[in-house]
Amino acid sequence: MQILIIRHAPAEDREEFANTNQPDALRPLTSKGKAKMHQNIQGLQHLVPQIDCITTSPLIRAKQTAALLASAYPNAKLKILPALAPAGSESVILTYLQKMAQTIQTIALVGHEPDLGELTAWLLSRQLNDWIFLKKGGACLLEFIEEVKAGKAELGWLLKPKELRQLAKSKASLTF
């Protein structure tokens, strides 16, 4: 099973949005963030030709990022997983992945930092720490060869948004 972990694209400024008296969960992507994410996704398509399921945090900025991803992968099912929201449970996400592994090959998880970095580190090393960081719009690919368990993932790649956009421009194709 492959897991594509994606941090949401750039959203409106946190402090400025707070002045609207709306909850942070409603803070949307900027138009520039959407445009950059569209290019990032073009790079992702060179690396990950198919996604079976896109699972996102319920926060607007993650849902908008997931919708952009879904437009490039129209056959992917789109789901919301509350555990991908900030301060979500890694064990709930792992249980979800274990269930999904029975029916799908590639899943994308769209969420937030520092949670995604901690989740990635935990899936790779079984240690909850923050030694991995994804920039807004960045992504990494993990693969479970046998069983889906914490500490059993292998890192395929970890790319910054700029690197994804460069890959889109180069028309190159990589496989892992």
N, C-alpha and C. Protein backbone atom coordinates (compact mmCIF):
# COMPACT_ATOMS: atom_id res chain seq x y z
N MET A 1 0.84 -1.18 0.00
CA MET A 1 0.00 0.00 0.00
C MET A 1 0.89 1.24 0.00
N GLN A 2 0.53 2.20 -0.85
CA GLN A 2 1.23 3.47 -0.89
C GLN A 2 0.37 4.55 -0.23
N ILE A 3 1.03 5.40 0.54
CA ILE A 3 0.35 6.51 1.19
C ILE A 3 1.02 7.81 0.76
N LEU A 4 0.26 8.64 0.10
CA LEU A 4 0.73 9.95 -0.31
C LEU A 4 0.26 10.95 0.75
N ILE A 5 1.19 11.56 1.43
CA ILE A 5 0.87 12.51 2.50
C ILE A 5 1.10 13.92 1.96
N ILE A 6 0.05 14.74 2.03
CA ILE A 6 0.10 16.09 1.43
C ILE A 6 -0.36 17.12 2.46
N ARG A 7 0.47 18.14 2.63
CA ARG A 7 0.05 19.28 3.46
C ARG A 7 -0.80 20.22 2.60
N HIS A 8 -1.82 20.78 3.20
CA HIS A 8 -2.69 21.69 2.45
C HIS A 8 -1.90 22.84 1.84
N ALA A 9 -2.45 23.42 0.79
CA ALA A 9 -1.83 24.55 0.09
C ALA A 9 -1.89 25.81 0.95
N PRO A 10 -1.18 26.87 0.58
CA PRO A 10 -1.20 28.11 1.36
C PRO A 10 -2.61 28.68 1.52
N ALA A 11 -2.93 29.01 2.77
CA ALA A 11 -4.24 29.55 3.13
C ALA A 11 -4.11 31.01 3.54
N GLU A 12 -5.26 31.64 3.74
CA GLU A 12 -5.26 33.03 4.18
C GLU A 12 -4.50 33.17 5.49
N ASP A 13 -3.96 34.35 5.74
CA ASP A 13 -3.21 34.63 6.95
C ASP A 13 -4.06 34.35 8.19
N ARG A 14 -3.49 33.61 9.13
CA ARG A 14 -4.21 33.20 10.34
C ARG A 14 -4.71 34.41 11.14
N GLU A 15 -3.85 35.38 11.36
CA GLU A 15 -4.23 36.54 12.19
C GLU A 15 -5.27 37.41 11.49
N GLU A 16 -5.09 37.64 10.20
CA GLU A 16 -6.08 38.44 9.47
C GLU A 16 -7.42 37.74 9.44
N PHE A 17 -7.41 36.43 9.26
CA PHE A 17 -8.67 35.69 9.22
C PHE A 17 -9.34 35.71 10.60
N ALA A 18 -8.56 35.69 11.65
CA ALA A 18 -9.13 35.74 13.01
C ALA A 18 -9.95 37.01 13.20
N ASN A 19 -9.58 38.08 12.52
CA ASN A 19 -10.33 39.34 12.62
C ASN A 19 -11.74 39.24 12.03
N THR A 20 -12.03 38.21 11.27
CA THR A 20 -13.37 38.03 10.70
C THR A 20 -14.31 37.39 11.72
N ASN A 21 -13.77 36.98 12.87
CA ASN A 21 -14.54 36.31 13.93
C ASN A 21 -15.13 34.97 13.48
N GLN A 22 -14.53 34.38 12.48
CA GLN A 22 -14.93 33.04 12.06
C GLN A 22 -13.93 32.04 12.63
N PRO A 23 -14.34 30.82 12.86
CA PRO A 23 -13.40 29.82 13.37
C PRO A 23 -12.30 29.51 12.35
N ASP A 24 -11.12 29.19 12.85
CA ASP A 24 -9.98 28.89 11.99
C ASP A 24 -10.28 27.73 11.04
N ALA A 25 -11.16 26.84 11.43
CA ALA A 25 -11.51 25.70 10.57
C ALA A 25 -12.08 26.16 9.23
N LEU A 26 -12.57 27.39 9.16
CA LEU A 26 -13.16 27.91 7.92
C LEU A 26 -12.17 28.73 7.09
N ARG A 27 -10.92 28.82 7.55
CA ARG A 27 -9.92 29.62 6.82
C ARG A 27 -9.59 28.95 5.48
N PRO A 28 -9.87 29.65 4.36
CA PRO A 28 -9.71 29.04 3.04
C PRO A 28 -8.31 29.24 2.45
N LEU A 29 -8.09 28.55 1.34
CA LEU A 29 -6.88 28.75 0.56
C LEU A 29 -6.93 30.12 -0.11
N THR A 30 -5.76 30.67 -0.36
CA THR A 30 -5.68 31.89 -1.15
C THR A 30 -5.76 31.51 -2.63
N SER A 31 -6.07 32.47 -3.49
CA SER A 31 -6.10 32.17 -4.92
C SER A 31 -4.70 31.78 -5.40
N LYS A 32 -3.67 32.43 -4.85
CA LYS A 32 -2.29 32.08 -5.20
C LYS A 32 -1.96 30.66 -4.71
N GLY A 33 -2.46 30.32 -3.52
CA GLY A 33 -2.25 28.98 -2.99
C GLY A 33 -2.89 27.91 -3.86
N LYS A 34 -4.09 28.21 -4.37
CA LYS A 34 -4.77 27.26 -5.27
C LYS A 34 -3.97 27.09 -6.56
N ALA A 35 -3.47 28.20 -7.11
CA ALA A 35 -2.70 28.13 -8.36
C ALA A 35 -1.42 27.32 -8.16
N LYS A 36 -0.73 27.56 -7.05
CA LYS A 36 0.50 26.81 -6.79
C LYS A 36 0.20 25.33 -6.59
N MET A 37 -0.89 25.04 -5.88
CA MET A 37 -1.23 23.64 -5.63
C MET A 37 -1.58 22.93 -6.94
N HIS A 38 -2.23 23.63 -7.83
CA HIS A 38 -2.53 23.04 -9.14
C HIS A 38 -1.24 22.60 -9.84
N GLN A 39 -0.21 23.44 -9.77
CA GLN A 39 1.09 23.09 -10.36
C GLN A 39 1.74 21.94 -9.59
N ASN A 40 1.64 21.98 -8.27
CA ASN A 40 2.20 20.89 -7.46
C ASN A 40 1.58 19.55 -7.87
N ILE A 41 0.27 19.57 -8.08
CA ILE A 41 -0.43 18.35 -8.45
C ILE A 41 0.03 17.84 -9.81
N GLN A 42 0.34 18.74 -10.73
CA GLN A 42 0.88 18.32 -12.02
C GLN A 42 2.20 17.57 -11.83
N GLY A 43 3.01 18.02 -10.88
CA GLY A 43 4.23 17.30 -10.56
C GLY A 43 3.93 15.95 -9.91
N LEU A 44 2.95 15.93 -9.01
CA LEU A 44 2.57 14.68 -8.36
C LEU A 44 2.12 13.63 -9.37
N GLN A 45 1.44 14.08 -10.41
CA GLN A 45 0.94 13.13 -11.41
C GLN A 45 2.08 12.39 -12.12
N HIS A 46 3.27 12.97 -12.17
CA HIS A 46 4.42 12.28 -12.75
C HIS A 46 4.93 11.19 -11.81
N LEU A 47 4.72 11.40 -10.52
CA LEU A 47 5.23 10.46 -9.51
C LEU A 47 4.20 9.40 -9.12
N VAL A 48 2.95 9.82 -9.07
CA VAL A 48 1.87 8.94 -8.62
C VAL A 48 0.78 8.96 -9.69
N PRO A 49 0.81 8.01 -10.62
CA PRO A 49 -0.14 8.05 -11.73
C PRO A 49 -1.59 7.77 -11.34
N GLN A 50 -1.79 7.08 -10.21
CA GLN A 50 -3.15 6.75 -9.81
C GLN A 50 -3.30 6.86 -8.30
N ILE A 51 -4.41 7.43 -7.88
CA ILE A 51 -4.80 7.47 -6.46
C ILE A 51 -6.19 6.87 -6.37
N ASP A 52 -6.36 5.92 -5.47
CA ASP A 52 -7.66 5.26 -5.31
C ASP A 52 -8.59 6.01 -4.37
N CYS A 53 -8.02 6.66 -3.38
CA CYS A 53 -8.82 7.36 -2.37
C CYS A 53 -8.07 8.58 -1.87
N ILE A 54 -8.78 9.69 -1.74
CA ILE A 54 -8.23 10.92 -1.17
C ILE A 54 -8.98 11.17 0.13
N THR A 55 -8.26 11.18 1.23
CA THR A 55 -8.87 11.37 2.53
C THR A 55 -8.33 12.66 3.13
N THR A 56 -9.23 13.50 3.62
CA THR A 56 -8.83 14.82 4.05
C THR A 56 -9.31 15.17 5.46
N SER A 57 -8.62 16.10 6.05
CA SER A 57 -9.05 16.76 7.27
C SER A 57 -10.36 17.48 6.96
N PRO A 58 -11.22 17.68 7.96
CA PRO A 58 -12.47 18.39 7.72
C PRO A 58 -12.30 19.91 7.61
N LEU A 59 -11.11 20.46 7.86
CA LEU A 59 -10.92 21.90 7.78
C LEU A 59 -10.96 22.35 6.32
N ILE A 60 -11.54 23.52 6.09
CA ILE A 60 -11.77 24.02 4.73
C ILE A 60 -10.52 24.02 3.87
N ARG A 61 -9.40 24.50 4.38
CA ARG A 61 -8.19 24.59 3.56
C ARG A 61 -7.71 23.21 3.10
N ALA A 62 -7.87 22.20 3.94
CA ALA A 62 -7.51 20.84 3.54
C ALA A 62 -8.53 20.28 2.56
N LYS A 63 -9.81 20.53 2.80
CA LYS A 63 -10.85 20.06 1.88
C LYS A 63 -10.69 20.69 0.50
N GLN A 64 -10.32 21.98 0.45
CA GLN A 64 -10.11 22.63 -0.83
C GLN A 64 -8.89 22.03 -1.55
N THR A 65 -7.84 21.74 -0.80
CA THR A 65 -6.66 21.09 -1.39
C THR A 65 -7.04 19.71 -1.92
N ALA A 66 -7.80 18.96 -1.15
CA ALA A 66 -8.24 17.62 -1.57
C ALA A 66 -9.11 17.70 -2.82
N ALA A 67 -9.95 18.73 -2.93
CA ALA A 67 -10.79 18.90 -4.11
C ALA A 67 -9.94 19.17 -5.35
N LEU A 68 -8.89 19.97 -5.21
CA LEU A 68 -7.98 20.20 -6.32
C LEU A 68 -7.32 18.89 -6.75
N LEU A 69 -6.91 18.10 -5.77
CA LEU A 69 -6.29 16.80 -6.05
C LEU A 69 -7.29 15.88 -6.74
N ALA A 70 -8.53 15.88 -6.27
CA ALA A 70 -9.57 15.03 -6.85
C ALA A 70 -9.86 15.40 -8.30
N SER A 71 -9.71 16.68 -8.64
CA SER A 71 -9.96 17.08 -10.03
C SER A 71 -8.90 16.49 -10.97
N ALA A 72 -7.72 16.21 -10.45
CA ALA A 72 -6.65 15.61 -11.26
C ALA A 72 -6.71 14.08 -11.23
N TYR A 73 -7.38 13.54 -10.23
CA TYR A 73 -7.53 12.08 -10.08
C TYR A 73 -9.03 11.78 -9.96
N PRO A 74 -9.77 11.90 -11.06
CA PRO A 74 -11.23 11.81 -11.00
C PRO A 74 -11.79 10.46 -10.55
N ASN A 75 -11.00 9.41 -10.63
CA ASN A 75 -11.48 8.09 -10.20
C ASN A 75 -11.30 7.84 -8.71
N ALA A 76 -10.63 8.76 -8.02
CA ALA A 76 -10.38 8.59 -6.59
C ALA A 76 -11.64 8.93 -5.79
N LYS A 77 -11.90 8.12 -4.78
CA LYS A 77 -12.98 8.41 -3.84
C LYS A 77 -12.50 9.52 -2.92
N LEU A 78 -13.39 10.42 -2.54
CA LEU A 78 -13.04 11.53 -1.64
C LEU A 78 -13.73 11.31 -0.31
N LYS A 79 -12.93 11.29 0.78
CA LYS A 79 -13.48 11.03 2.12
C LYS A 79 -12.93 12.05 3.10
N ILE A 80 -13.66 12.25 4.18
CA ILE A 80 -13.23 13.13 5.28
C ILE A 80 -12.94 12.26 6.49
N LEU A 81 -11.80 12.51 7.13
CA LEU A 81 -11.42 11.78 8.34
C LEU A 81 -11.09 12.81 9.43
N PRO A 82 -11.96 12.97 10.44
CA PRO A 82 -11.72 13.96 11.49
C PRO A 82 -10.35 13.82 12.17
N ALA A 83 -9.79 12.63 12.21
CA ALA A 83 -8.50 12.43 12.86
C ALA A 83 -7.36 13.14 12.12
N LEU A 84 -7.60 13.60 10.88
CA LEU A 84 -6.58 14.36 10.15
C LEU A 84 -6.61 15.85 10.50
N ALA A 85 -7.56 16.27 11.32
CA ALA A 85 -7.59 17.66 11.79
C ALA A 85 -6.44 17.85 12.77
N PRO A 86 -6.06 19.10 13.03
CA PRO A 86 -4.98 19.34 14.01
C PRO A 86 -5.26 18.64 15.34
N ALA A 87 -4.20 18.06 15.89
CA ALA A 87 -4.25 17.31 17.16
C ALA A 87 -5.08 16.03 17.04
N GLY A 88 -5.17 15.49 15.83
CA GLY A 88 -5.89 14.23 15.63
C GLY A 88 -5.09 13.05 16.15
N SER A 89 -5.71 11.91 16.11
CA SER A 89 -5.12 10.69 16.67
C SER A 89 -4.40 9.87 15.61
N GLU A 90 -3.11 9.63 15.81
CA GLU A 90 -2.35 8.80 14.89
C GLU A 90 -2.89 7.37 14.86
N SER A 91 -3.31 6.86 16.02
CA SER A 91 -3.80 5.48 16.06
C SER A 91 -5.11 5.33 15.29
N VAL A 92 -5.97 6.36 15.31
CA VAL A 92 -7.20 6.31 14.52
C VAL A 92 -6.86 6.33 13.04
N ILE A 93 -5.89 7.15 12.65
CA ILE A 93 -5.46 7.20 11.24
C ILE A 93 -4.89 5.84 10.83
N LEU A 94 -4.07 5.24 11.69
CA LEU A 94 -3.48 3.94 11.37
C LEU A 94 -4.57 2.88 11.20
N THR A 95 -5.55 2.87 12.08
CA THR A 95 -6.66 1.91 11.97
C THR A 95 -7.39 2.11 10.65
N TYR A 96 -7.61 3.36 10.28
CA TYR A 96 -8.26 3.68 9.00
C TYR A 96 -7.42 3.14 7.84
N LEU A 97 -6.12 3.38 7.87
CA LEU A 97 -5.23 2.89 6.80
C LEU A 97 -5.26 1.37 6.71
N GLN A 98 -5.28 0.71 7.86
CA GLN A 98 -5.30 -0.75 7.87
C GLN A 98 -6.58 -1.28 7.21
N LYS A 99 -7.70 -0.62 7.47
CA LYS A 99 -8.96 -1.04 6.84
C LYS A 99 -8.92 -0.76 5.34
N MET A 100 -8.39 0.38 4.95
CA MET A 100 -8.33 0.74 3.54
C MET A 100 -7.37 -0.15 2.76
N ALA A 101 -6.34 -0.66 3.42
CA ALA A 101 -5.33 -1.49 2.74
C ALA A 101 -5.93 -2.76 2.17
N GLN A 102 -7.08 -3.16 2.67
CA GLN A 102 -7.73 -4.38 2.18
C GLN A 102 -8.33 -4.19 0.79
N THR A 103 -8.61 -2.93 0.41
CA THR A 103 -9.31 -2.71 -0.85
C THR A 103 -8.63 -1.74 -1.82
N ILE A 104 -7.65 -1.00 -1.37
CA ILE A 104 -7.02 -0.02 -2.25
C ILE A 104 -5.51 -0.15 -2.25
N GLN A 105 -4.90 0.40 -3.27
CA GLN A 105 -3.44 0.35 -3.38
C GLN A 105 -2.78 1.67 -3.00
N THR A 106 -3.38 2.80 -3.40
CA THR A 106 -2.78 4.11 -3.14
C THR A 106 -3.81 5.05 -2.54
N ILE A 107 -3.46 5.64 -1.42
CA ILE A 107 -4.34 6.58 -0.73
C ILE A 107 -3.57 7.88 -0.48
N ALA A 108 -4.27 8.99 -0.61
CA ALA A 108 -3.69 10.29 -0.27
C ALA A 108 -4.33 10.78 1.02
N LEU A 109 -3.50 11.30 1.91
CA LEU A 109 -3.97 11.92 3.15
C LEU A 109 -3.63 13.40 3.07
N VAL A 110 -4.63 14.27 3.24
CA VAL A 110 -4.42 15.71 3.17
C VAL A 110 -4.70 16.29 4.55
N GLY A 111 -3.71 17.04 5.09
CA GLY A 111 -3.89 17.57 6.43
C GLY A 111 -2.97 18.73 6.73
N HIS A 112 -2.49 18.77 7.97
CA HIS A 112 -1.85 19.95 8.54
C HIS A 112 -0.54 19.58 9.25
N GLU A 113 0.31 20.58 9.41
CA GLU A 113 1.52 20.44 10.22
C GLU A 113 1.25 21.04 11.59
N PRO A 114 1.90 20.53 12.62
CA PRO A 114 2.97 19.52 12.62
C PRO A 114 2.47 18.08 12.60
N ASP A 115 1.16 17.92 12.56
CA ASP A 115 0.58 16.57 12.68
C ASP A 115 1.03 15.61 11.59
N LEU A 116 1.06 16.08 10.33
CA LEU A 116 1.46 15.16 9.25
C LEU A 116 2.92 14.73 9.37
N GLY A 117 3.78 15.65 9.77
CA GLY A 117 5.19 15.29 9.97
C GLY A 117 5.34 14.27 11.08
N GLU A 118 4.60 14.47 12.16
CA GLU A 118 4.65 13.52 13.28
C GLU A 118 4.09 12.16 12.86
N LEU A 119 2.99 12.17 12.11
CA LEU A 119 2.40 10.92 11.61
C LEU A 119 3.40 10.19 10.72
N THR A 120 4.02 10.92 9.81
CA THR A 120 5.00 10.32 8.90
C THR A 120 6.16 9.71 9.67
N ALA A 121 6.70 10.45 10.63
CA ALA A 121 7.81 9.94 11.45
C ALA A 121 7.38 8.67 12.19
N TRP A 122 6.17 8.67 12.73
CA TRP A 122 5.66 7.53 13.49
C TRP A 122 5.49 6.31 12.58
N LEU A 123 4.95 6.53 11.38
CA LEU A 123 4.76 5.41 10.46
C LEU A 123 6.11 4.84 10.00
N LEU A 124 7.12 5.69 9.91
CA LEU A 124 8.46 5.25 9.50
C LEU A 124 9.25 4.61 10.63
N SER A 125 9.18 5.21 11.81
CA SER A 125 10.10 4.82 12.89
C SER A 125 9.45 4.32 14.17
N ARG A 126 8.14 4.44 14.26
CA ARG A 126 7.38 4.10 15.47
C ARG A 126 7.70 5.06 16.62
N GLN A 127 8.28 6.21 16.27
CA GLN A 127 8.59 7.25 17.25
C GLN A 127 7.77 8.49 16.93
N LEU A 128 7.05 9.00 17.92
CA LEU A 128 6.28 10.23 17.72
C LEU A 128 7.19 11.42 17.96
N ASN A 129 7.67 12.02 16.88
CA ASN A 129 8.50 13.21 16.99
C ASN A 129 8.34 14.05 15.74
N ASP A 130 9.02 15.16 15.69
CA ASP A 130 8.81 16.10 14.60
C ASP A 130 10.04 16.28 13.72
N TRP A 131 10.71 15.22 13.36
CA TRP A 131 11.90 15.34 12.53
C TRP A 131 11.58 15.42 11.04
N ILE A 132 10.31 15.28 10.69
CA ILE A 132 9.88 15.47 9.30
C ILE A 132 8.94 16.66 9.27
N PHE A 133 9.13 17.54 8.28
CA PHE A 133 8.28 18.71 8.14
C PHE A 133 7.89 18.87 6.68
N LEU A 134 6.62 19.04 6.43
CA LEU A 134 6.13 19.28 5.07
C LEU A 134 5.75 20.74 4.94
N LYS A 135 6.29 21.38 3.92
CA LYS A 135 5.90 22.75 3.62
C LYS A 135 4.48 22.75 3.04
N LYS A 136 3.82 23.91 3.08
CA LYS A 136 2.46 24.00 2.53
C LYS A 136 2.49 23.60 1.06
N GLY A 137 1.68 22.58 0.73
CA GLY A 137 1.66 22.06 -0.63
C GLY A 137 2.69 20.99 -0.89
N GLY A 138 3.53 20.68 0.10
CA GLY A 138 4.54 19.64 -0.04
C GLY A 138 3.93 18.26 0.15
N ALA A 139 4.70 17.24 -0.22
CA ALA A 139 4.17 15.88 -0.16
C ALA A 139 5.28 14.87 0.06
N CYS A 140 4.89 13.72 0.56
CA CYS A 140 5.82 12.59 0.64
C CYS A 140 5.06 11.31 0.34
N LEU A 141 5.79 10.30 -0.06
CA LEU A 141 5.20 9.01 -0.38
C LEU A 141 5.79 7.95 0.54
N LEU A 142 4.93 7.25 1.21
CA LEU A 142 5.31 6.12 2.06
C LEU A 142 4.77 4.85 1.44
N GLU A 143 5.46 3.75 1.69
CA GLU A 143 4.98 2.47 1.20
C GLU A 143 5.09 1.43 2.29
N PHE A 144 4.04 0.66 2.41
CA PHE A 144 4.03 -0.50 3.31
C PHE A 144 4.14 -1.73 2.42
N ILE A 145 5.21 -2.48 2.59
CA ILE A 145 5.45 -3.66 1.75
C ILE A 145 4.60 -4.84 2.23
N GLU A 146 4.56 -5.04 3.53
CA GLU A 146 3.79 -6.16 4.08
C GLU A 146 2.62 -5.63 4.88
N GLU A 147 2.77 -5.53 6.17
CA GLU A 147 1.65 -5.09 7.00
C GLU A 147 1.69 -3.58 7.26
N VAL A 148 0.51 -3.02 7.43
CA VAL A 148 0.38 -1.59 7.70
C VAL A 148 0.43 -1.42 9.23
N LYS A 149 1.62 -1.05 9.71
CA LYS A 149 1.84 -0.86 11.15
C LYS A 149 2.83 0.29 11.34
N ALA A 150 2.73 0.94 12.48
CA ALA A 150 3.69 2.00 12.81
C ALA A 150 5.10 1.41 12.82
N GLY A 151 6.02 2.12 12.19
CA GLY A 151 7.40 1.66 12.12
C GLY A 151 7.70 0.76 10.94
N LYS A 152 6.69 0.40 10.15
CA LYS A 152 6.88 -0.52 9.02
C LYS A 152 6.88 0.16 7.66
N ALA A 153 6.65 1.47 7.63
CA ALA A 153 6.62 2.18 6.35
C ALA A 153 8.03 2.42 5.83
N GLU A 154 8.13 2.53 4.51
CA GLU A 154 9.39 2.90 3.86
C GLU A 154 9.15 4.22 3.14
N LEU A 155 10.13 5.12 3.20
CA LEU A 155 10.01 6.41 2.55
C LEU A 155 10.39 6.30 1.07
N GLY A 156 9.44 6.64 0.20
CA GLY A 156 9.74 6.67 -1.23
C GLY A 156 10.40 7.98 -1.60
N TRP A 157 9.80 9.09 -1.16
CA TRP A 157 10.35 10.42 -1.41
C TRP A 157 9.64 11.44 -0.53
N LEU A 158 10.29 12.57 -0.38
CA LEU A 158 9.76 13.73 0.36
C LEU A 158 10.14 14.96 -0.44
N LEU A 159 9.14 15.69 -0.96
CA LEU A 159 9.42 16.81 -1.85
C LEU A 159 8.76 18.10 -1.38
N LYS A 160 9.50 19.18 -1.55
CA LYS A 160 8.98 20.51 -1.28
C LYS A 160 8.07 20.91 -2.43
N PRO A 161 7.18 21.88 -2.19
CA PRO A 161 6.29 22.33 -3.27
C PRO A 161 7.06 22.81 -4.51
N LYS A 162 8.14 23.53 -4.29
CA LYS A 162 8.94 24.03 -5.41
C LYS A 162 9.47 22.88 -6.25
N GLU A 163 9.87 21.79 -5.61
CA GLU A 163 10.38 20.63 -6.33
C GLU A 163 9.28 19.96 -7.15
N LEU A 164 8.06 19.93 -6.59
CA LEU A 164 6.93 19.36 -7.34
C LEU A 164 6.64 20.21 -8.58
N ARG A 165 6.69 21.54 -8.42
CA ARG A 165 6.43 22.42 -9.56
C ARG A 165 7.52 22.28 -10.62
N GLN A 166 8.77 22.10 -10.19
CA GLN A 166 9.87 21.88 -11.15
C GLN A 166 9.67 20.57 -11.90
N LEU A 167 9.21 19.57 -11.21
CA LEU A 167 8.95 18.28 -11.83
C LEU A 167 7.83 18.42 -12.87
N ALA A 168 6.82 19.21 -12.56
CA ALA A 168 5.73 19.44 -13.52
C ALA A 168 6.25 20.10 -14.79
N LYS A 169 7.16 21.04 -14.62
CA LYS A 169 7.72 21.76 -15.78
C LYS A 169 8.65 20.88 -16.60
N SER A 170 9.35 19.97 -15.94
CA SER A 170 10.34 19.15 -16.63
C SER A 170 9.73 18.03 -17.45
N LYS A 171 8.48 17.71 -17.17
CA LYS A 171 7.79 16.61 -17.85
C LYS A 171 8.47 15.27 -17.61
N ALA A 172 9.29 15.24 -16.56
CA ALA A 172 9.99 14.00 -16.23
C ALA A 172 9.03 13.03 -15.54
N SER A 173 9.42 11.80 -15.48
CA SER A 173 8.63 10.79 -14.80
C SER A 173 9.56 9.94 -13.94
N LEU A 174 9.17 9.78 -12.70
CA LEU A 174 9.94 8.96 -11.77
C LEU A 174 9.02 7.88 -11.22
N THR A 175 9.57 6.73 -10.91
CA THR A 175 8.77 5.68 -10.29
C THR A 175 9.50 5.17 -9.07
N PHE A 176 8.73 4.79 -8.08
CA PHE A 176 9.28 4.26 -6.84
C PHE A 176 8.57 2.99 -6.48
